[in-house]
Protein backbone atom coordinates (compact mmCIF):
# COMPACT_ATOMS: atom_id res chain seq x y z
CA MET A 1 -17.16 -5.01 2.98
CA GLY A 2 -16.85 -4.30 6.37
CA MET A 3 -15.25 -1.23 8.20
CA CYS A 4 -12.67 -2.11 10.91
CA GLU A 5 -11.13 0.44 13.24
CA HIS A 6 -7.60 0.87 11.24
CA LEU A 7 -10.00 1.47 8.08
CA GLU A 8 -11.95 4.41 9.88
CA ILE A 9 -8.29 6.21 11.50
CA ALA A 10 -5.99 6.14 8.72
CA GLY A 11 -4.59 8.94 7.35
CA ASP A 12 -3.73 10.51 4.23
CA PRO A 13 0.32 10.98 4.24
CA ALA A 14 1.30 11.78 1.08
CA PRO A 15 3.20 10.03 -1.38
CA THR A 16 7.08 9.31 0.05
CA SER A 17 8.01 8.51 -4.01
CA PRO A 18 4.74 9.41 -6.76
CA GLN A 19 7.30 8.03 -9.34
CA GLY A 20 7.17 3.95 -8.27
CA CYS A 21 7.65 1.30 -5.42
CA GLU A 22 10.41 2.47 -4.15
CA GLU A 23 12.28 -1.38 -3.44
CA CYS A 24 11.99 -2.54 -7.53
CA LEU A 25 12.91 1.08 -8.30
CA ARG A 26 16.15 1.04 -6.24
CA GLU A 27 16.17 -3.04 -7.43
CA GLY A 28 15.26 -2.36 -11.29
CA THR A 29 12.58 -4.44 -11.23
CA ARG A 30 9.61 -3.81 -12.23
CA TRP A 31 5.48 -4.03 -10.78
CA VAL A 32 2.04 -4.47 -12.25
CA HIS A 33 0.11 -1.55 -9.41
CA LEU A 34 1.00 0.53 -6.67
CA ARG A 35 -0.15 0.69 -3.48
CA LYS A 36 0.33 3.27 -0.52
CA CYS A 37 0.48 2.98 3.00
CA LEU A 38 -2.01 5.15 5.30
CA ASP A 39 0.40 5.27 8.16
CA CYS A 40 3.46 6.58 5.97
CA GLY A 41 2.78 7.42 2.57
CA HIS A 42 5.32 4.80 1.74
CA ILE A 43 4.48 3.10 -2.24
CA GLY A 44 5.49 -0.26 -2.87
CA CYS A 45 3.64 -3.05 -5.41
CA CYS A 46 0.60 -4.87 -5.24
CA ASP A 47 0.36 -8.61 -4.51
CA SER A 48 0.02 -8.91 -8.47
CA SER A 49 3.82 -8.02 -8.63
CA PRO A 50 6.90 -10.58 -7.79
CA ARG A 51 8.42 -8.43 -4.82
CA ARG A 52 5.05 -7.74 -3.96
CA HIS A 53 7.03 -4.78 -1.45
CA ALA A 54 3.11 -3.42 -0.33
CA THR A 55 2.85 -6.65 1.47
CA GLY A 56 6.33 -6.58 2.66
CA HIS A 57 5.69 -3.08 4.08
CA PHE A 58 2.90 -4.04 6.44
CA LYS A 59 4.98 -7.19 7.50
CA ASP A 60 8.30 -5.18 8.48
CA THR A 61 6.64 -2.59 9.55
CA SER A 62 2.94 -3.36 11.20
CA HIS A 63 1.05 -0.43 9.12
CA PRO A 64 -2.46 -2.02 8.46
CA VAL A 65 -3.24 0.10 5.71
CA MET A 66 -2.71 0.78 2.15
CA GLN A 67 -4.40 2.22 -0.36
CA SER A 68 -4.59 2.14 -4.42
CA PHE A 69 -2.01 4.59 -5.78
CA GLU A 70 -3.37 3.66 -9.05
CA PRO A 71 -5.04 6.59 -11.25
CA GLY A 72 -8.84 6.39 -10.55
CA GLU A 73 -8.77 4.20 -7.98
CA THR A 74 -9.61 4.96 -4.13
CA TRP A 75 -10.06 1.75 -2.82
CA LYS A 76 -8.56 0.61 0.68
CA TRP A 77 -6.99 -2.96 2.16
CA CYS A 78 -6.63 -3.68 5.47
CA PHE A 79 -3.93 -5.51 6.47
CA VAL A 80 -4.57 -7.19 10.19
CA ASP A 81 -8.59 -7.18 10.06
CA ASN A 82 -8.50 -8.16 6.05
CA VAL A 83 -11.11 -6.02 5.51
CA MET A 84 -10.83 -3.90 1.75
CA HIS A 85 -13.94 -0.02 2.23
């Protein structure tokens, strides 16, 4: 696993929706796993979920780093550099 500038400077904002994926909750759809944007705290669902809202959030905002929002997981992913930490 490599490093990138985005991962090194990523913050840790409070989650905007600790109950689950913001869009799935609004739409009444389900998710598989949750991801938190480390720029704004947005909670979205992973790419294994039908709607892939975490990736959609990156495409809409260009916020580069997300972190697993699953209990016991701390890994981070940079969409720009395709690097995990």
